[in-house]
Amino acid sequence: MKAQRGTRYFKERTRLETAIPLKTPFILYLDPSSACNLKCSFCPCSRAHENLWTEEKKESIGIMPFDLYKKIIDDCKEFPDSIKVLRLYKEGEPLVNPNLSEMIAYGRDSGKFDSIDLTTNGTLLNPTLNRKLVEAGLSRINISVEALSGEGYERICGKKIDYGKFIENIRDLYENKGNCHIFIKTMVNNFDDETEQHFFDLFGDICDEIAVEHIANCWPGFENVESNINVYSGADANGQEVIVCPRIFYILVINSDGTVTHCIVDWNHMKTIGNVREQSVYDIWNGEALRQIQLEHLRGNRRKQLLCDQCMEIESAAVDNIDDYREELLRRMGERY
């Protein structure tokens, strides 16, 4: 197998407690499309679960207009530093947006982002699109493989695919990837009688990194029935209660309709902190709405915040822990402990 067993997380990370408060976010999540071509049973954002959607969520479904996207990227020029990652993904399938390659190129040409990546189900990849993505300057693509056969996709994702063509399109991307790093992962929960080794045999020679993960119940207000493990215990890997969400201090999330949230797992658009149609990205990042959420976390009131009260993401996926620095960080932000 050519690929290394890897992870979606950056191996070299800035110690967050040394950088807060950030003048410039580390990561900007921007959703090119809240719509998806699949109906995955494990995903609350898919139409398999639209009966759970709020009216705000229903009204947001669609692709981000290119003019709005350009306004967002231009807004980012107000930040004093470059943003480490422009992440063109949140809750839909980014390849649904016909302007995706142009969006990548515009972000690259802005000079404000160290890297540009996205996560996709990969079923819409084809040689023509592959060339466009690579030539536009995509730094990294994370491909989620949901099953190991076309029939598996029909069961899990509500759509049968030509599995041989799916693999060949990924192979084409790998063979013409330029400087784009290709990461492929799957969920062991979906294997049924098929094995990890079969997954590695199929994809291990057509990507740079590869991984097997478990489904995590990380979506507030949505219990993942596909998961056969209970990942949430209210504590981190060491058995300690997580008091402060570190992500709200370095990530900003923009939905496809221009609304902004403080969290990547706000799948149902429960708590917005701004709208880039009416405000600049810079002003929202430095605004009082986000600041108050950050302060409440540092004061130990995470579980009293809407959305955060049901969140299971930090316990299962966060790689930073700033709990021991709460008093110091409050002082830096001009507040008493």
C-alpha atoms as a PDB file:
ATOM      1  CA  MET A   1       0.000   0.000   0.000  1.00  0.00           C
ATOM      2  CA  LYS A   2       1.426   3.360  -1.048  1.00  0.00           C
ATOM      3  CA  ALA A   3      -0.664   5.528   1.275  1.00  0.00           C
ATOM      4  CA  GLN A   4       0.304   6.353   4.832  1.00  0.00           C
ATOM      5  CA  ARG A   5      -2.218   5.719   7.588  1.00  0.00           C
ATOM      6  CA  GLY A   6      -3.103   9.226   8.624  1.00  0.00           C
ATOM      7  CA  THR A   7      -5.591  11.654  10.118  1.00  0.00           C
ATOM      8  CA  ARG A   8      -7.550  14.734   9.139  1.00  0.00           C
ATOM      9  CA  TYR A   9      -5.914  16.714  11.932  1.00  0.00           C
ATOM     10  CA  PHE A  10      -2.800  18.801  11.511  1.00  0.00           C
ATOM     11  CA  LYS A  11       0.180  17.219  13.201  1.00  0.00           C
ATOM     12  CA  GLU A  12       1.945  20.523  13.890  1.00  0.00           C
ATOM     13  CA  ARG A  13      -0.371  22.834  15.793  1.00  0.00           C
ATOM     14  CA  THR A  14      -0.028  26.218  17.457  1.00  0.00           C
ATOM     15  CA  ARG A  15      -0.552  25.953  21.207  1.00  0.00           C
ATOM     16  CA  LEU A  16      -3.910  27.635  21.401  1.00  0.00           C
ATOM     17  CA  GLU A  17      -3.514  28.965  24.935  1.00  0.00           C
ATOM     18  CA  THR A  18      -0.524  31.033  23.782  1.00  0.00           C
ATOM     19  CA  ALA A  19      -2.436  32.719  20.953  1.00  0.00           C
ATOM     20  CA  ILE A  20      -5.888  33.591  22.370  1.00  0.00           C
ATOM     21  CA  PRO A  21      -7.443  36.028  21.642  1.00  0.00           C
ATOM     22  CA  LEU A  22      -6.730  35.662  17.926  1.00  0.00           C
ATOM     23  CA  LYS A  23      -6.775  38.728  15.714  1.00  0.00           C
ATOM     24  CA  THR A  24      -7.244  36.406  12.740  1.00  0.00           C
ATOM     25  CA  PRO A  25      -9.080  33.046  12.815  1.00  0.00           C
ATOM     26  CA  PHE A  26      -6.978  29.991  12.063  1.00  0.00           C
ATOM     27  CA  ILE A  27      -9.719  28.285  10.027  1.00  0.00           C
ATOM     28  CA  LEU A  28     -12.582  29.692   7.975  1.00  0.00           C
ATOM     29  CA  TYR A  29     -15.265  27.117   7.241  1.00  0.00           C
ATOM     30  CA  LEU A  30     -17.289  28.230   4.241  1.00  0.00           C
ATOM     31  CA  ASP A  31     -20.075  26.056   2.832  1.00  0.00           C
ATOM     32  CA  PRO A  32     -20.231  26.163  -1.001  1.00  0.00           C
ATOM     33  CA  SER A  33     -23.383  24.047  -0.924  1.00  0.00           C
ATOM     34  CA  SER A  34     -25.760  23.028   1.824  1.00  0.00           C
ATOM     35  CA  ALA A  35     -27.396  20.662  -0.665  1.00  0.00           C
ATOM     36  CA  CYS A  36     -26.108  17.136  -1.242  1.00  0.00           C
ATOM     37  CA  ASN A  37     -26.492  14.529  -3.968  1.00  0.00           C
ATOM     38  CA  LEU A  38     -26.803  11.696  -1.425  1.00  0.00           C
ATOM     39  CA  LYS A  39     -29.265  10.942   1.403  1.00  0.00           C
ATOM     40  CA  CYS A  40     -26.988   9.334   3.967  1.00  0.00           C
ATOM     41  CA  SER A  41     -28.804   7.818   6.922  1.00  0.00           C
ATOM     42  CA  PHE A  42     -26.093   8.834   9.400  1.00  0.00           C
ATOM     43  CA  CYS A  43     -26.066  12.532   8.418  1.00  0.00           C
ATOM     44  CA  PRO A  44     -28.605  14.997   9.893  1.00  0.00           C
ATOM     45  CA  CYS A  45     -27.871  17.417   7.049  1.00  0.00           C
ATOM     46  CA  SER A  46     -29.124  15.018   4.364  1.00  0.00           C
ATOM     47  CA  ARG A  47     -32.700  14.913   3.111  1.00  0.00           C
ATOM     48  CA  ALA A  48     -33.041  11.564   4.828  1.00  0.00           C
ATOM     49  CA  HIS A  49     -33.711  13.631   7.968  1.00  0.00           C
ATOM     50  CA  GLU A  50     -35.323  16.811   6.646  1.00  0.00           C
ATOM     51  CA  ASN A  51     -38.257  16.213   8.984  1.00  0.00           C
ATOM     52  CA  LEU A  52     -35.883  17.358  11.750  1.00  0.00           C
ATOM     53  CA  TRP A  53     -34.873  20.612  10.052  1.00  0.00           C
ATOM     54  CA  THR A  54     -35.752  24.023  11.430  1.00  0.00           C
ATOM     55  CA  GLU A  55     -37.323  26.579   9.098  1.00  0.00           C
ATOM     56  CA  GLU A  56     -33.981  28.412   9.077  1.00  0.00           C
ATOM     57  CA  LYS A  57     -32.268  25.267   7.877  1.00  0.00           C
ATOM     58  CA  LYS A  58     -34.872  24.577   5.205  1.00  0.00           C
ATOM     59  CA  GLU A  59     -34.627  28.110   3.834  1.00  0.00           C
ATOM     60  CA  SER A  60     -30.835  27.899   3.601  1.00  0.00           C
ATOM     61  CA  ILE A  61     -30.629  24.831   1.354  1.00  0.00           C
ATOM     62  CA  GLY A  62     -28.837  25.662  -1.875  1.00  0.00           C
ATOM     63  CA  ILE A  63     -25.491  26.759  -3.249  1.00  0.00           C
ATOM     64  CA  MET A  64     -23.572  29.877  -2.250  1.00  0.00           C
ATOM     65  CA  PRO A  65     -23.741  32.560  -4.978  1.00  0.00           C
ATOM     66  CA  PHE A  66     -20.324  33.362  -6.412  1.00  0.00           C
ATOM     67  CA  ASP A  67     -20.746  37.107  -5.795  1.00  0.00           C
ATOM     68  CA  LEU A  68     -21.401  36.464  -2.108  1.00  0.00           C
ATOM     69  CA  TYR A  69     -18.379  34.177  -1.947  1.00  0.00           C
ATOM     70  CA  LYS A  70     -16.157  36.866  -3.490  1.00  0.00           C
ATOM     71  CA  LYS A  71     -17.434  39.391  -0.962  1.00  0.00           C
ATOM     72  CA  ILE A  72     -16.479  37.034   1.875  1.00  0.00           C
ATOM     73  CA  ILE A  73     -12.982  36.450   0.495  1.00  0.00           C
ATOM     74  CA  ASP A  74     -12.488  40.185  -0.043  1.00  0.00           C
ATOM     75  CA  ASP A  75     -13.622  40.813   3.545  1.00  0.00           C
ATOM     76  CA  CYS A  76     -10.832  38.538   4.780  1.00  0.00           C
ATOM     77  CA  LYS A  77      -8.263  41.030   3.523  1.00  0.00           C
ATOM     78  CA  GLU A  78      -9.096  43.108   6.620  1.00  0.00           C
ATOM     79  CA  PHE A  79      -7.462  40.528   8.875  1.00  0.00           C
ATOM     80  CA  PRO A  80      -3.861  41.386   9.818  1.00  0.00           C
ATOM     81  CA  ASP A  81      -2.561  37.849   9.246  1.00  0.00           C
ATOM     82  CA  SER A  82      -3.205  35.091   6.740  1.00  0.00           C
ATOM     83  CA  ILE A  83      -5.810  32.471   7.617  1.00  0.00           C
ATOM     84  CA  LYS A  84      -4.249  29.045   7.955  1.00  0.00           C
ATOM     85  CA  VAL A  85      -7.045  27.135   6.210  1.00  0.00           C
ATOM     86  CA  LEU A  86      -9.971  28.018   3.966  1.00  0.00           C
ATOM     87  CA  ARG A  87     -12.191  24.964   4.391  1.00  0.00           C
ATOM     88  CA  LEU A  88     -14.792  24.775   1.622  1.00  0.00           C
ATOM     89  CA  TYR A  89     -17.167  22.454   3.396  1.00  0.00           C
ATOM     90  CA  LYS A  90     -19.677  22.359   6.201  1.00  0.00           C
ATOM     91  CA  GLU A  91     -22.916  20.420   5.806  1.00  0.00           C
ATOM     92  CA  GLY A  92     -23.531  19.808   2.100  1.00  0.00           C
ATOM     93  CA  GLU A  93     -21.593  18.357  -0.825  1.00  0.00           C
ATOM     94  CA  PRO A  94     -19.212  21.042  -2.153  1.00  0.00           C
ATOM     95  CA  LEU A  95     -18.952  19.466  -5.617  1.00  0.00           C
ATOM     96  CA  VAL A  96     -22.648  20.289  -6.160  1.00  0.00           C
ATOM     97  CA  ASN A  97     -21.622  23.945  -6.595  1.00  0.00           C
ATOM     98  CA  PRO A  98     -20.757  24.469 -10.297  1.00  0.00           C
ATOM     99  CA  ASN A  99     -18.474  27.378  -9.392  1.00  0.00           C
ATOM    100  CA  LEU A 100     -16.311  25.394  -6.975  1.00  0.00           C
ATOM    101  CA  SER A 101     -13.082  25.497  -8.987  1.00  0.00           C
ATOM    102  CA  GLU A 102     -13.511  29.247  -9.551  1.00  0.00           C
ATOM    103  CA  MET A 103     -14.070  29.680  -5.814  1.00  0.00           C
ATOM    104  CA  ILE A 104     -10.844  27.832  -5.047  1.00  0.00           C
ATOM    105  CA  ALA A 105      -8.911  29.938  -7.548  1.00  0.00           C
ATOM    106  CA  TYR A 106     -10.350  33.188  -6.157  1.00  0.00           C
ATOM    107  CA  GLY A 107      -9.381  32.164  -2.645  1.00  0.00           C
ATOM    108  CA  ARG A 108      -5.888  31.223  -3.805  1.00  0.00           C
ATOM    109  CA  ASP A 109      -5.403  34.492  -5.687  1.00  0.00           C
ATOM    110  CA  SER A 110      -6.471  36.539  -2.652  1.00  0.00           C
ATOM    111  CA  GLY A 111      -3.228  35.599  -0.911  1.00  0.00           C
ATOM    112  CA  LYS A 112      -5.038  35.405   2.438  1.00  0.00           C
ATOM    113  CA  PHE A 113      -5.016  31.621   2.936  1.00  0.00           C
ATOM    114  CA  ASP A 114      -2.102  29.305   3.616  1.00  0.00           C
ATOM    115  CA  SER A 115      -4.082  26.339   2.281  1.00  0.00           C
ATOM    116  CA  ILE A 116      -7.483  25.484   0.819  1.00  0.00           C
ATOM    117  CA  ASP A 117      -9.171  22.152   1.430  1.00  0.00           C
ATOM    118  CA  LEU A 118     -12.548  20.464   1.283  1.00  0.00           C
ATOM    119  CA  THR A 119     -14.329  17.261   2.281  1.00  0.00           C
ATOM    120  CA  THR A 120     -16.451  15.423  -0.285  1.00  0.00           C
ATOM    121  CA  ASN A 121     -18.251  12.143  -0.813  1.00  0.00           C
ATOM    122  CA  GLY A 122     -16.329  11.953  -4.092  1.00  0.00           C
ATOM    123  CA  THR A 123     -19.190  10.535  -6.152  1.00  0.00           C
ATOM    124  CA  LEU A 124     -19.260  13.582  -8.462  1.00  0.00           C
ATOM    125  CA  LEU A 125     -15.546  13.511  -9.271  1.00  0.00           C
ATOM    126  CA  ASN A 126     -14.635  13.014 -12.939  1.00  0.00           C
ATOM    127  CA  PRO A 127     -11.506  13.682 -15.019  1.00  0.00           C
ATOM    128  CA  THR A 128     -12.637  17.124 -16.183  1.00  0.00           C
ATOM    129  CA  LEU A 129     -13.549  18.307 -12.688  1.00  0.00           C
ATOM    130  CA  ASN A 130     -10.398  16.729 -11.249  1.00  0.00           C
ATOM    131  CA  ARG A 131      -8.221  18.878 -13.533  1.00  0.00           C
ATOM    132  CA  LYS A 132     -10.159  22.016 -12.623  1.00  0.00           C
ATOM    133  CA  LEU A 133      -9.807  21.446  -8.880  1.00  0.00           C
ATOM    134  CA  VAL A 134      -6.079  20.774  -9.090  1.00  0.00           C
ATOM    135  CA  GLU A 135      -5.370  23.670 -11.458  1.00  0.00           C
ATOM    136  CA  ALA A 136      -7.417  26.038  -9.264  1.00  0.00           C
ATOM    137  CA  GLY A 137      -5.020  25.403  -6.376  1.00  0.00           C
ATOM    138  CA  LEU A 138      -6.795  22.963  -4.072  1.00  0.00           C
ATOM    139  CA  SER A 139      -4.296  22.009  -1.353  1.00  0.00           C
ATOM    140  CA  ARG A 140      -6.061  18.982   0.089  1.00  0.00           C
ATOM    141  CA  ILE A 141      -9.148  16.891  -0.581  1.00  0.00           C
ATOM    142  CA  ASN A 142     -10.701  14.591   2.038  1.00  0.00           C
ATOM    143  CA  ILE A 143     -12.817  11.879   0.421  1.00  0.00           C
ATOM    144  CA  SER A 144     -15.360  10.048   2.570  1.00  0.00           C
ATOM    145  CA  VAL A 145     -16.029   6.512   1.359  1.00  0.00           C
ATOM    146  CA  GLU A 146     -19.392   5.440   2.777  1.00  0.00           C
ATOM    147  CA  ALA A 147     -19.505   1.807   1.591  1.00  0.00           C
ATOM    148  CA  LEU A 148     -17.438  -0.747  -0.266  1.00  0.00           C
ATOM    149  CA  SER A 149     -19.947  -1.531  -3.012  1.00  0.00           C
ATOM    150  CA  GLY A 150     -22.627   0.106  -5.097  1.00  0.00           C
ATOM    151  CA  GLU A 151     -25.275  -1.825  -3.185  1.00  0.00           C
ATOM    152  CA  GLY A 152     -23.799  -0.538   0.072  1.00  0.00           C
ATOM    153  CA  TYR A 153     -24.232   3.023  -1.149  1.00  0.00           C
ATOM    154  CA  GLU A 154     -27.858   2.324  -1.971  1.00  0.00           C
ATOM    155  CA  ARG A 155     -28.462   1.053   1.571  1.00  0.00           C
ATOM    156  CA  ILE A 156     -26.526   3.733   3.445  1.00  0.00           C
ATOM    157  CA  CYS A 157     -26.731   6.748   1.141  1.00  0.00           C
ATOM    158  CA  GLY A 158     -30.024   6.207  -0.654  1.00  0.00           C
ATOM    159  CA  LYS A 159     -28.349   6.013  -4.064  1.00  0.00           C
ATOM    160  CA  LYS A 160     -26.681   3.174  -5.915  1.00  0.00           C
ATOM    161  CA  ILE A 161     -23.477   4.189  -7.693  1.00  0.00           C
ATOM    162  CA  ASP A 162     -21.219   2.660 -10.322  1.00  0.00           C
ATOM    163  CA  TYR A 163     -18.536   1.611  -7.862  1.00  0.00           C
ATOM    164  CA  GLY A 164     -15.914   0.802 -10.475  1.00  0.00           C
ATOM    165  CA  LYS A 165     -16.326   4.265 -11.995  1.00  0.00           C
ATOM    166  CA  PHE A 166     -16.155   5.810  -8.526  1.00  0.00           C
ATOM    167  CA  ILE A 167     -12.760   4.189  -7.924  1.00  0.00           C
ATOM    168  CA  GLU A 168     -11.478   5.089 -11.392  1.00  0.00           C
ATOM    169  CA  ASN A 169     -12.374   8.760 -10.911  1.00  0.00           C
ATOM    170  CA  ILE A 170     -10.435   8.834  -7.650  1.00  0.00           C
ATOM    171  CA  ARG A 171      -7.543   7.056  -9.341  1.00  0.00           C
ATOM    172  CA  ASP A 172      -7.569   9.695 -12.085  1.00  0.00           C
ATOM    173  CA  LEU A 173      -7.437  12.433  -9.466  1.00  0.00           C
ATOM    174  CA  TYR A 174      -4.518  10.749  -7.720  1.00  0.00           C
ATOM    175  CA  GLU A 175      -2.579  10.290 -10.949  1.00  0.00           C
ATOM    176  CA  ASN A 176      -3.071  13.962 -11.847  1.00  0.00           C
ATOM    177  CA  LYS A 177      -3.070  15.464  -8.345  1.00  0.00           C
ATOM    178  CA  GLY A 178      -0.240  17.957  -8.753  1.00  0.00           C
ATOM    179  CA  ASN A 179       0.294  19.512  -5.317  1.00  0.00           C
ATOM    180  CA  CYS A 180      -3.077  18.388  -3.971  1.00  0.00           C
ATOM    181  CA  HIS A 181      -2.893  16.023  -0.993  1.00  0.00           C
ATOM    182  CA  ILE A 182      -5.489  13.237  -1.146  1.00  0.00           C
ATOM    183  CA  PHE A 183      -6.882  11.762   2.073  1.00  0.00           C
ATOM    184  CA  ILE A 184      -9.429   8.930   2.015  1.00  0.00           C
ATOM    185  CA  LYS A 185     -11.341   7.647   5.019  1.00  0.00           C
ATOM    186  CA  THR A 186     -14.213   5.321   5.717  1.00  0.00           C
ATOM    187  CA  MET A 187     -16.323   4.313   8.697  1.00  0.00           C
ATOM    188  CA  VAL A 188     -15.820   0.846  10.085  1.00  0.00           C
ATOM    189  CA  ASN A 189     -19.484   0.847  11.139  1.00  0.00           C
ATOM    190  CA  ASN A 190     -20.530   0.493   7.502  1.00  0.00           C
ATOM    191  CA  PHE A 191     -18.380  -2.510   6.607  1.00  0.00           C
ATOM    192  CA  ASP A 192     -20.877  -5.240   7.387  1.00  0.00           C
ATOM    193  CA  ASP A 193     -19.165  -8.446   6.233  1.00  0.00           C
ATOM    194  CA  GLU A 194     -16.464  -6.592   4.309  1.00  0.00           C
ATOM    195  CA  THR A 195     -13.125  -6.027   5.917  1.00  0.00           C
ATOM    196  CA  GLU A 196     -10.705  -3.230   6.627  1.00  0.00           C
ATOM    197  CA  GLN A 197      -8.184  -4.946   4.415  1.00  0.00           C
ATOM    198  CA  HIS A 198     -10.573  -4.829   1.476  1.00  0.00           C
ATOM    199  CA  PHE A 199     -10.880  -1.066   1.947  1.00  0.00           C
ATOM    200  CA  PHE A 200      -7.103  -0.697   2.008  1.00  0.00           C
ATOM    201  CA  ASP A 201      -6.783  -2.907  -1.066  1.00  0.00           C
ATOM    202  CA  LEU A 202      -9.267  -0.778  -2.994  1.00  0.00           C
ATOM    203  CA  PHE A 203      -7.963   2.671  -2.058  1.00  0.00           C
ATOM    204  CA  GLY A 204      -4.508   2.297  -0.515  1.00  0.00           C
ATOM    205  CA  ASP A 205      -2.652   2.901  -3.783  1.00  0.00           C
ATOM    206  CA  ILE A 206      -4.715   5.882  -4.994  1.00  0.00           C
ATOM    207  CA  CYS A 207      -4.301   8.359  -2.133  1.00  0.00           C
ATOM    208  CA  ASP A 208      -1.596   9.901   0.030  1.00  0.00           C
ATOM    209  CA  GLU A 209      -3.194   9.135   3.411  1.00  0.00           C
ATOM    210  CA  ILE A 210      -5.886   6.707   4.473  1.00  0.00           C
ATOM    211  CA  ALA A 211      -7.839   6.063   7.675  1.00  0.00           C
ATOM    212  CA  VAL A 212     -10.670   4.071   9.227  1.00  0.00           C
ATOM    213  CA  GLU A 213     -12.906   5.891  11.695  1.00  0.00           C
ATOM    214  CA  HIS A 214     -15.954   5.227  13.865  1.00  0.00           C
ATOM    215  CA  ILE A 215     -19.152   7.229  13.517  1.00  0.00           C
ATOM    216  CA  ALA A 216     -19.386   9.700  16.385  1.00  0.00           C
ATOM    217  CA  ASN A 217     -22.590  11.081  17.886  1.00  0.00           C
ATOM    218  CA  CYS A 218     -21.318  14.624  17.554  1.00  0.00           C
ATOM    219  CA  TRP A 219     -24.392  16.430  16.206  1.00  0.00           C
ATOM    220  CA  PRO A 220     -26.386  18.304  18.890  1.00  0.00           C
ATOM    221  CA  GLY A 221     -29.979  17.137  18.873  1.00  0.00           C
ATOM    222  CA  PHE A 222     -29.327  14.197  16.558  1.00  0.00           C
ATOM    223  CA  GLU A 223     -28.677  10.672  17.743  1.00  0.00           C
ATOM    224  CA  ASN A 224     -26.831   8.678  15.136  1.00  0.00           C
ATOM    225  CA  VAL A 225     -28.619   5.370  14.822  1.00  0.00           C
ATOM    226  CA  GLU A 226     -25.859   4.061  12.532  1.00  0.00           C
ATOM    227  CA  SER A 227     -23.355   4.234  15.365  1.00  0.00           C
ATOM    228  CA  ASN A 228     -22.837   1.027  17.309  1.00  0.00           C
ATOM    229  CA  ILE A 229     -20.709   2.696  19.962  1.00  0.00           C
ATOM    230  CA  ASN A 230     -21.509   5.298  22.581  1.00  0.00           C
ATOM    231  CA  VAL A 231     -18.761   7.875  22.198  1.00  0.00           C
ATOM    232  CA  TYR A 232     -20.236  10.484  24.524  1.00  0.00           C
ATOM    233  CA  SER A 233     -19.508  10.330  28.222  1.00  0.00           C
ATOM    234  CA  GLY A 234     -19.169  14.019  29.071  1.00  0.00           C
ATOM    235  CA  ALA A 235     -15.428  13.579  29.472  1.00  0.00           C
ATOM    236  CA  ASP A 236     -12.295  13.602  27.366  1.00  0.00           C
ATOM    237  CA  ALA A 237     -10.026  10.636  26.695  1.00  0.00           C
ATOM    238  CA  ASN A 238      -8.504  11.025  30.166  1.00  0.00           C
ATOM    239  CA  GLY A 239     -11.855  10.956  31.932  1.00  0.00           C
ATOM    240  CA  GLN A 240     -11.931  14.692  32.638  1.00  0.00           C
ATOM    241  CA  GLU A 241     -14.979  16.862  31.984  1.00  0.00           C
ATOM    242  CA  VAL A 242     -14.278  19.275  29.122  1.00  0.00           C
ATOM    243  CA  ILE A 243     -15.172  22.764  30.308  1.00  0.00           C
ATOM    244  CA  VAL A 244     -14.185  24.993  27.374  1.00  0.00           C
ATOM    245  CA  CYS A 245     -14.680  24.341  23.676  1.00  0.00           C
ATOM    246  CA  PRO A 246     -11.364  25.320  22.070  1.00  0.00           C
ATOM    247  CA  ARG A 247     -12.779  25.593  18.562  1.00  0.00           C
ATOM    248  CA  ILE A 248     -14.828  28.719  19.178  1.00  0.00           C
ATOM    249  CA  PHE A 249     -11.555  30.589  19.673  1.00  0.00           C
ATOM    250  CA  TYR A 250      -9.995  29.803  16.293  1.00  0.00           C
ATOM    251  CA  ILE A 251     -12.769  28.792  13.860  1.00  0.00           C
ATOM    252  CA  LEU A 252     -15.424  30.856  12.089  1.00  0.00           C
ATOM    253  CA  VAL A 253     -18.208  29.145  10.127  1.00  0.00           C
ATOM    254  CA  ILE A 254     -20.181  30.647   7.228  1.00  0.00           C
ATOM    255  CA  ASN A 255     -23.247  28.845   5.894  1.00  0.00           C
ATOM    256  CA  SER A 256     -24.133  28.739   2.202  1.00  0.00           C
ATOM    257  CA  ASP A 257     -26.765  31.458   2.665  1.00  0.00           C
ATOM    258  CA  GLY A 258     -24.296  33.860   4.325  1.00  0.00           C
ATOM    259  CA  THR A 259     -25.378  33.364   7.915  1.00  0.00           C
ATOM    260  CA  VAL A 260     -22.536  32.838  10.369  1.00  0.00           C
ATOM    261  CA  THR A 261     -22.355  30.484  13.321  1.00  0.00           C
ATOM    262  CA  HIS A 262     -19.764  29.948  16.018  1.00  0.00           C
ATOM    263  CA  CYS A 263     -19.706  26.199  15.506  1.00  0.00           C
ATOM    264  CA  ILE A 264     -19.239  23.637  12.749  1.00  0.00           C
ATOM    265  CA  VAL A 265     -21.819  21.268  14.271  1.00  0.00           C
ATOM    266  CA  ASP A 266     -24.679  23.768  14.130  1.00  0.00           C
ATOM    267  CA  TRP A 267     -26.307  21.601  11.451  1.00  0.00           C
ATOM    268  CA  ASN A 268     -29.811  22.935  12.130  1.00  0.00           C
ATOM    269  CA  HIS A 269     -28.865  26.634  12.159  1.00  0.00           C
ATOM    270  CA  MET A 270     -29.902  27.098  15.769  1.00  0.00           C
ATOM    271  CA  LYS A 271     -27.584  29.937  16.748  1.00  0.00           C
ATOM    272  CA  THR A 272     -26.259  32.479  14.280  1.00  0.00           C
ATOM    273  CA  ILE A 273     -23.903  35.283  15.296  1.00  0.00           C
ATOM    274  CA  GLY A 274     -24.031  37.362  12.134  1.00  0.00           C
ATOM    275  CA  ASN A 275     -24.683  37.540   8.404  1.00  0.00           C
ATOM    276  CA  VAL A 276     -21.995  38.342   5.845  1.00  0.00           C
ATOM    277  CA  ARG A 277     -24.589  39.830   3.531  1.00  0.00           C
ATOM    278  CA  GLU A 278     -24.941  42.658   6.049  1.00  0.00           C
ATOM    279  CA  GLN A 279     -21.637  42.640   7.963  1.00  0.00           C
ATOM    280  CA  SER A 280     -17.979  42.113   7.210  1.00  0.00           C
ATOM    281  CA  VAL A 281     -16.322  38.857   8.193  1.00  0.00           C
ATOM    282  CA  TYR A 282     -13.810  40.892  10.189  1.00  0.00           C
ATOM    283  CA  ASP A 283     -16.539  42.612  12.220  1.00  0.00           C
ATOM    284  CA  ILE A 284     -18.312  39.348  12.980  1.00  0.00           C
ATOM    285  CA  TRP A 285     -15.077  37.713  14.170  1.00  0.00           C
ATOM    286  CA  ASN A 286     -14.421  40.671  16.461  1.00  0.00           C
ATOM    287  CA  GLY A 287     -18.084  41.128  17.387  1.00  0.00           C
ATOM    288  CA  GLU A 288     -19.756  40.966  20.756  1.00  0.00           C
ATOM    289  CA  ALA A 289     -21.888  37.911  19.937  1.00  0.00           C
ATOM    290  CA  LEU A 290     -18.900  35.613  19.513  1.00  0.00           C
ATOM    291  CA  ARG A 291     -17.003  37.239  22.365  1.00  0.00           C
ATOM    292  CA  GLN A 292     -19.824  36.584  24.829  1.00  0.00           C
ATOM    293  CA  ILE A 293     -19.973  32.901  23.870  1.00  0.00           C
ATOM    294  CA  GLN A 294     -16.215  32.608  24.391  1.00  0.00           C
ATOM    295  CA  LEU A 295     -16.410  34.340  27.778  1.00  0.00           C
ATOM    296  CA  GLU A 296     -19.247  32.111  28.988  1.00  0.00           C
ATOM    297  CA  HIS A 297     -17.200  29.031  28.144  1.00  0.00           C
ATOM    298  CA  LEU A 298     -14.199  30.383  30.026  1.00  0.00           C
ATOM    299  CA  ARG A 299     -16.464  31.099  33.018  1.00  0.00           C
ATOM    300  CA  GLY A 300     -17.500  27.441  33.082  1.00  0.00           C
ATOM    301  CA  ASN A 301     -20.935  27.959  31.549  1.00  0.00           C
ATOM    302  CA  ARG A 302     -20.521  25.866  28.409  1.00  0.00           C
ATOM    303  CA  ARG A 303     -23.503  23.651  29.212  1.00  0.00           C
ATOM    304  CA  LYS A 304     -25.718  26.712  29.681  1.00  0.00           C
ATOM    305  CA  GLN A 305     -25.254  27.851  26.074  1.00  0.00           C
ATOM    306  CA  LEU A 306     -27.723  27.001  23.318  1.00  0.00           C
ATOM    307  CA  LEU A 307     -26.266  24.292  21.052  1.00  0.00           C
ATOM    308  CA  CYS A 308     -23.288  23.802  23.386  1.00  0.00           C
ATOM    309  CA  ASP A 309     -25.611  22.286  25.987  1.00  0.00           C
ATOM    310  CA  GLN A 310     -26.163  19.214  23.791  1.00  0.00           C
ATOM    311  CA  CYS A 311     -22.816  19.108  21.997  1.00  0.00           C
ATOM    312  CA  MET A 312     -20.836  15.871  21.948  1.00  0.00           C
ATOM    313  CA  GLU A 313     -18.177  16.925  19.444  1.00  0.00           C
ATOM    314  CA  ILE A 314     -15.519  18.112  21.892  1.00  0.00           C
ATOM    315  CA  GLU A 315     -15.476  14.881  23.851  1.00  0.00           C
ATOM    316  CA  SER A 316     -15.007  12.824  20.712  1.00  0.00           C
ATOM    317  CA  ALA A 317     -12.870  14.943  18.401  1.00  0.00           C
ATOM    318  CA  ALA A 318     -11.177  18.011  19.883  1.00  0.00           C
ATOM    319  CA  VAL A 319      -7.387  17.893  19.921  1.00  0.00           C
ATOM    320  CA  ASP A 320      -6.836  21.036  22.017  1.00  0.00           C
ATOM    321  CA  ASN A 321      -7.591  21.474  25.707  1.00  0.00           C
ATOM    322  CA  ILE A 322      -7.449  24.951  27.236  1.00  0.00           C
ATOM    323  CA  ASP A 323      -9.356  24.236  30.453  1.00  0.00           C
ATOM    324  CA  ASP A 324      -6.322  24.865  32.675  1.00  0.00           C
ATOM    325  CA  TYR A 325      -5.800  28.327  31.168  1.00  0.00           C
ATOM    326  CA  ARG A 326      -9.270  29.774  31.732  1.00  0.00           C
ATOM    327  CA  GLU A 327      -8.263  32.349  34.334  1.00  0.00           C
ATOM    328  CA  GLU A 328      -5.322  33.587  32.302  1.00  0.00           C
ATOM    329  CA  LEU A 329      -7.381  33.780  29.108  1.00  0.00           C
ATOM    330  CA  LEU A 330     -10.155  35.729  30.820  1.00  0.00           C
ATOM    331  CA  ARG A 331      -7.582  38.261  31.969  1.00  0.00           C
ATOM    332  CA  ARG A 332      -6.241  38.571  28.444  1.00  0.00           C
ATOM    333  CA  MET A 333      -9.757  39.207  27.189  1.00  0.00           C
ATOM    334  CA  GLY A 334     -10.229  41.939  29.793  1.00  0.00           C
ATOM    335  CA  GLU A 335     -12.558  40.013  32.078  1.00  0.00           C
ATOM    336  CA  ARG A 336     -12.470  38.804  35.675  1.00  0.00           C
ATOM    337  CA  TYR A 337     -12.445  35.088  36.456  1.00  0.00           C
END
